[in-house]
Protein backbone atom coordinates (compact mmCIF):
# COMPACT_ATOMS: atom_id res chain seq x y z
CA MET A 1 5.91 -41.94 48.23
CA PHE A 2 8.07 -39.42 50.18
CA GLU A 3 11.08 -37.58 49.39
CA ILE A 4 14.31 -39.51 50.25
CA GLU A 5 16.08 -36.30 51.54
CA LYS A 6 13.10 -35.74 53.96
CA ILE A 7 13.15 -39.52 54.90
CA LYS A 8 17.15 -38.73 55.61
CA LYS A 9 16.45 -36.98 58.49
CA LEU A 10 13.59 -38.97 59.94
CA ASN A 11 15.05 -39.75 64.08
CA GLU A 12 15.08 -43.20 65.05
CA THR A 13 11.21 -42.95 66.51
CA GLU A 14 10.24 -41.46 63.71
CA PHE A 15 12.10 -44.52 61.45
CA GLN A 16 9.38 -46.84 63.32
CA ILE A 17 6.67 -45.04 62.18
CA TYR A 18 7.71 -44.96 58.96
CA ASN A 19 7.96 -48.84 58.55
CA PHE A 20 4.78 -49.00 60.17
CA LEU A 21 3.30 -47.00 57.96
CA MET A 22 4.90 -49.03 54.26
CA GLU A 23 4.25 -52.12 55.89
CA HIS A 24 0.27 -51.74 56.89
CA MET A 25 -0.25 -49.23 53.91
CA ALA A 26 -3.98 -50.25 53.17
CA ASP A 27 -4.76 -49.90 57.07
CA VAL A 28 -3.23 -46.74 57.97
CA SER A 29 -5.75 -45.32 55.59
CA LYS A 30 -8.33 -47.00 58.02
CA MET A 31 -6.50 -45.27 61.34
CA THR A 32 -7.30 -42.23 63.37
CA ILE A 33 -3.84 -40.97 64.85
CA ARG A 34 -4.88 -41.93 68.07
CA GLU A 35 -5.09 -45.58 66.57
CA LEU A 36 -1.88 -45.30 64.94
CA ALA A 37 -0.35 -43.56 67.83
CA GLN A 38 -1.24 -46.85 69.65
CA MET A 39 -0.51 -49.37 66.52
CA THR A 40 3.31 -48.08 67.15
CA HIS A 41 4.22 -47.06 70.87
CA VAL A 42 4.33 -43.29 70.48
CA SER A 43 2.10 -40.02 71.37
CA ALA A 44 -0.29 -38.32 68.85
CA ALA A 45 1.96 -35.47 69.52
CA THR A 46 5.05 -37.72 67.27
CA ILE A 47 2.48 -38.81 64.71
CA VAL A 48 2.20 -34.99 64.06
CA ARG A 49 5.75 -34.44 64.12
CA PHE A 50 6.78 -36.89 61.82
CA CYS A 51 4.05 -35.77 59.32
CA ARG A 52 5.72 -32.51 59.60
CA HIS A 53 9.38 -33.47 58.92
CA LEU A 54 7.78 -35.35 55.65
CA GLY A 55 6.31 -32.16 54.72
CA PHE A 56 2.18 -32.47 55.70
CA ALA A 57 0.25 -30.31 57.20
CA GLY A 58 -0.74 -33.13 59.18
CA PHE A 59 -1.90 -37.01 59.44
CA SER A 60 -4.92 -36.68 57.52
CA GLU A 61 -3.26 -35.05 54.72
CA LEU A 62 -0.35 -37.47 55.07
CA LYS A 63 -2.99 -40.58 54.65
CA PHE A 64 -4.62 -38.92 51.22
CA HIS A 65 -1.04 -38.60 49.74
CA MET A 66 -0.46 -41.96 50.47
CA MET A 67 -4.26 -43.26 49.31
CA GLN A 68 -3.65 -41.15 45.81
CA ALA A 69 -0.14 -42.91 45.30
CA ASN A 70 -1.16 -45.93 46.19
CA HIS A 71 -3.86 -46.17 43.33
CA TYR A 72 -1.87 -44.27 40.59
CA GLU A 73 -2.92 -46.04 37.82
CA PRO A 74 -1.44 -44.88 34.26
CA SER A 75 -4.52 -43.78 31.92
CA LEU A 76 -5.32 -45.14 28.35
CA GLU A 77 -5.52 -41.40 27.11
CA SER A 78 -2.20 -40.61 28.33
CA TYR A 79 -0.93 -43.66 26.17
CA TYR A 80 -3.16 -42.13 23.11
CA ALA A 81 -1.95 -38.91 23.68
CA ASN A 82 1.58 -39.84 23.41
CA PHE A 83 1.32 -40.94 20.46
CA LEU A 84 -0.36 -37.87 18.85
CA GLU A 85 2.52 -36.00 20.10
CA LEU A 86 4.99 -38.62 18.63
CA ASN A 87 3.49 -38.20 15.63
CA SER A 88 3.57 -34.52 15.51
CA PHE A 89 7.33 -34.88 16.91
CA LEU A 90 8.10 -36.99 13.58
CA LYS A 91 6.17 -34.99 11.15
CA GLY A 92 8.02 -31.70 12.24
CA LEU A 93 11.35 -33.61 10.77
CA THR A 94 11.11 -32.68 8.08
CA GLY A 95 10.11 -28.71 8.74
CA ALA A 96 12.54 -26.02 7.32
CA THR A 97 13.27 -25.12 11.13
CA PHE A 98 14.07 -29.10 12.10
CA GLN A 99 16.39 -29.18 9.14
CA LYS A 100 18.50 -26.03 9.89
CA LYS A 101 19.30 -26.84 14.12
CA LEU A 102 19.92 -30.51 12.29
CA ALA A 103 22.76 -29.10 9.84
CA GLN A 104 24.43 -27.23 12.88
CA ALA A 105 24.19 -30.23 14.68
CA CYS A 106 25.71 -32.41 11.67
CA GLN A 107 28.46 -29.56 11.37
CA MET A 108 29.53 -29.34 14.74
CA ILE A 109 29.70 -33.22 15.02
CA GLU A 110 31.81 -33.27 11.66
CA ASN A 111 34.20 -30.61 13.17
CA SER A 112 35.21 -32.71 16.06
CA ALA A 113 37.85 -35.97 16.21
CA TYR A 114 35.12 -37.77 18.00
CA THR A 115 31.57 -37.39 19.59
CA VAL A 116 30.74 -38.19 23.44
CA PHE A 117 27.45 -39.47 24.11
CA MET A 118 25.91 -38.86 28.03
CA GLY A 119 23.41 -39.73 29.89
CA ALA A 120 22.15 -41.88 33.04
CA GLY A 121 19.81 -44.60 33.40
CA THR A 122 17.70 -44.97 30.75
CA SER A 123 19.48 -41.98 29.20
CA GLY A 124 22.61 -44.28 29.64
CA ALA A 125 21.52 -46.91 28.09
CA LEU A 126 20.60 -45.22 24.66
CA SER A 127 23.95 -43.66 24.88
CA LYS A 128 25.76 -46.82 24.87
CA TYR A 129 23.00 -47.27 22.03
CA GLY A 130 23.78 -43.83 20.04
CA TYR A 131 27.79 -44.69 20.84
CA ARG A 132 27.53 -48.04 18.97
CA TYR A 133 25.04 -46.78 15.78
CA PHE A 134 27.59 -43.27 15.26
CA ASN A 135 30.44 -46.31 15.32
CA SER A 136 28.38 -48.44 13.23
CA VAL A 137 28.12 -45.55 10.13
CA GLY A 138 31.92 -44.92 10.47
CA ILE A 139 32.17 -41.81 13.50
CA GLN A 140 33.87 -41.95 15.60
CA ALA A 141 32.34 -41.75 19.36
CA ILE A 142 32.08 -43.92 22.80
CA ALA A 143 29.73 -43.64 25.82
CA ILE A 144 29.73 -41.83 29.51
CA THR A 145 26.86 -43.60 31.70
CA ASP A 146 28.47 -42.68 34.97
CA PRO A 147 26.87 -39.51 36.21
CA TYR A 148 30.13 -38.77 38.23
CA PHE A 149 32.19 -39.93 36.03
CA PRO A 150 35.65 -38.06 36.32
CA ILE A 151 36.34 -35.16 33.61
CA THR A 152 40.02 -33.94 33.59
CA ASP A 153 40.59 -30.18 33.03
CA GLY A 154 41.33 -29.67 29.37
CA GLY A 155 40.43 -33.35 28.21
CA TYR A 156 37.79 -34.46 25.28
CA GLN A 157 38.60 -30.65 23.82
CA ASN A 158 38.22 -32.20 20.30
CA ALA A 159 35.43 -33.74 21.18
CA CYS A 160 31.24 -32.77 20.29
CA LEU A 161 29.41 -34.16 23.57
CA ILE A 162 25.57 -35.27 22.84
CA VAL A 163 23.69 -36.36 26.44
CA LEU A 164 20.55 -36.93 26.77
CA SER A 165 18.06 -36.33 29.86
CA VAL A 166 14.36 -36.56 29.64
CA THR A 167 13.83 -33.78 32.51
CA GLY A 168 17.31 -32.00 31.22
CA GLU A 169 17.48 -32.05 35.58
CA ASN A 170 20.20 -34.53 36.60
CA LYS A 171 22.41 -33.21 38.91
CA GLY A 172 25.52 -35.23 38.17
CA ILE A 173 25.28 -35.13 34.09
CA MET A 174 24.15 -31.06 34.80
CA GLU A 175 28.19 -31.01 36.85
CA ARG A 176 29.81 -32.92 33.82
CA VAL A 177 28.23 -30.82 31.13
CA LEU A 178 29.54 -27.96 33.04
CA GLN A 179 33.16 -29.78 33.12
CA PHE A 180 32.97 -30.43 29.33
CA LYS A 181 31.77 -26.80 28.90
CA GLN A 182 34.45 -25.35 30.77
CA ASN A 183 37.06 -27.49 28.60
CA GLY A 184 35.62 -25.75 25.41
CA VAL A 185 33.58 -28.51 24.04
CA LYS A 186 30.32 -28.12 22.03
CA ILE A 187 27.63 -29.27 23.29
CA ILE A 188 24.56 -31.13 21.99
CA SER A 189 21.28 -31.71 24.32
CA ILE A 190 18.54 -34.11 23.48
CA THR A 191 15.79 -33.21 26.08
CA ASN A 192 11.72 -33.59 27.08
CA ASP A 193 11.79 -29.44 27.89
CA GLU A 194 14.06 -27.07 26.29
CA LYS A 195 13.48 -24.53 29.34
CA SER A 196 15.39 -27.43 31.05
CA THR A 197 18.29 -26.65 32.94
CA ILE A 198 20.42 -28.88 30.56
CA SER A 199 19.38 -27.27 27.41
CA LYS A 200 19.75 -24.08 28.40
CA LEU A 201 23.85 -25.04 29.21
CA SER A 202 24.05 -26.68 25.41
CA ASP A 203 25.01 -24.91 22.42
CA LEU A 204 22.25 -26.67 20.60
CA ASN A 205 19.23 -28.53 22.11
CA PHE A 206 16.67 -30.78 20.83
CA SER A 207 13.29 -31.52 22.60
CA TYR A 208 10.29 -33.64 22.21
CA TYR A 209 8.10 -32.34 24.07
CA MET A 210 5.94 -35.98 25.13
CA ILE A 211 3.66 -36.30 28.06
CA ASP A 212 5.85 -37.67 31.21
CA GLU A 213 4.68 -41.02 32.61
CA TYR A 214 6.09 -42.42 35.65
CA ALA A 215 6.35 -46.39 36.75
CA SER A 216 2.87 -47.24 38.25
CA ASN A 217 4.53 -49.68 40.84
CA LYS A 218 4.61 -48.14 44.20
CA SER A 219 8.53 -49.48 44.92
CA ILE A 220 9.35 -47.43 41.90
CA ASN A 221 6.83 -44.75 41.16
CA LYS A 222 9.97 -42.25 40.61
CA LEU A 223 11.09 -43.95 37.76
CA ILE A 224 10.18 -41.75 34.89
CA LEU A 225 8.62 -43.77 31.70
CA THR A 226 8.57 -41.34 29.15
CA THR A 227 8.93 -42.72 25.71
CA GLN A 228 12.56 -42.47 24.46
CA LEU A 229 11.38 -43.35 20.84
CA PRO A 230 12.13 -39.49 19.53
CA VAL A 231 15.30 -40.48 20.92
CA LEU A 232 16.15 -43.11 19.19
CA ALA A 233 14.80 -40.94 15.70
CA LEU A 234 17.21 -38.08 17.02
CA ILE A 235 20.26 -40.16 17.08
CA GLU A 236 19.90 -42.21 13.42
CA ILE A 237 18.73 -39.13 12.02
CA LEU A 238 22.16 -37.25 12.55
CA ALA A 239 24.37 -40.39 12.44
CA HIS A 240 23.05 -40.89 8.48
CA HIS A 241 23.51 -37.07 7.84
CA VAL A 242 27.12 -36.25 9.46
CA ARG A 243 29.65 -36.74 6.53
CA VAL A 244 32.19 -39.40 7.84
CA THR A 245 35.11 -37.12 7.80
CA GLN A 246 36.82 -37.93 11.46
CA LYS A 247 39.96 -39.58 11.93
CA LEU A 248 41.03 -41.81 15.22
CA PHE A 249 41.15 -40.01 18.50
């Protein structure tokens, strides 16, 4: 509901206000600033400072934000829209533009000694699926699912990196991508947006442009639930189009 970095900067008194808000969200929406100040044993001025530290102009704006976050419900229209986007994506896999990019990606994988899949969270789970699938068809692969996994200088030089990221902006993954790039590793990215940072750092990018979806549960409302079906399709297509010429590394 609120940005973690701003919450970390709250002082002890402000944390007490924050904890009260989290425990009484339904009640706070009906309170005035003076009533909240009385319930939390602070002054109205302290409430105002608390609101501003969280990035709001005042208590009214904070209450509105809380009500919007607490009543968020994913619409059926968004689900239908994503199915339409998925259908459009799958149809595009037979097009000349995609086939040309597919051939480039396959060549990069064939020219490497092995493939490294990398991702975090859901993308980390898909990285494990990717390395397992590649190995199942005879392509040597490993997976890195820790965004802070150390990449040694000179390491992985004969590898091809396939990095998976919905937003393409995961800081830890970006840092690892830069390290791979400095080691001369060829990088293929699969993201939801070709304009993301990870996409731009890559030698080749596949973007699927699905509508972003998030968990409606207020305790995990930052969790991205954007469909990953295009990623699964791309992993399997790549695996079946690569000519298996790799040797054990």
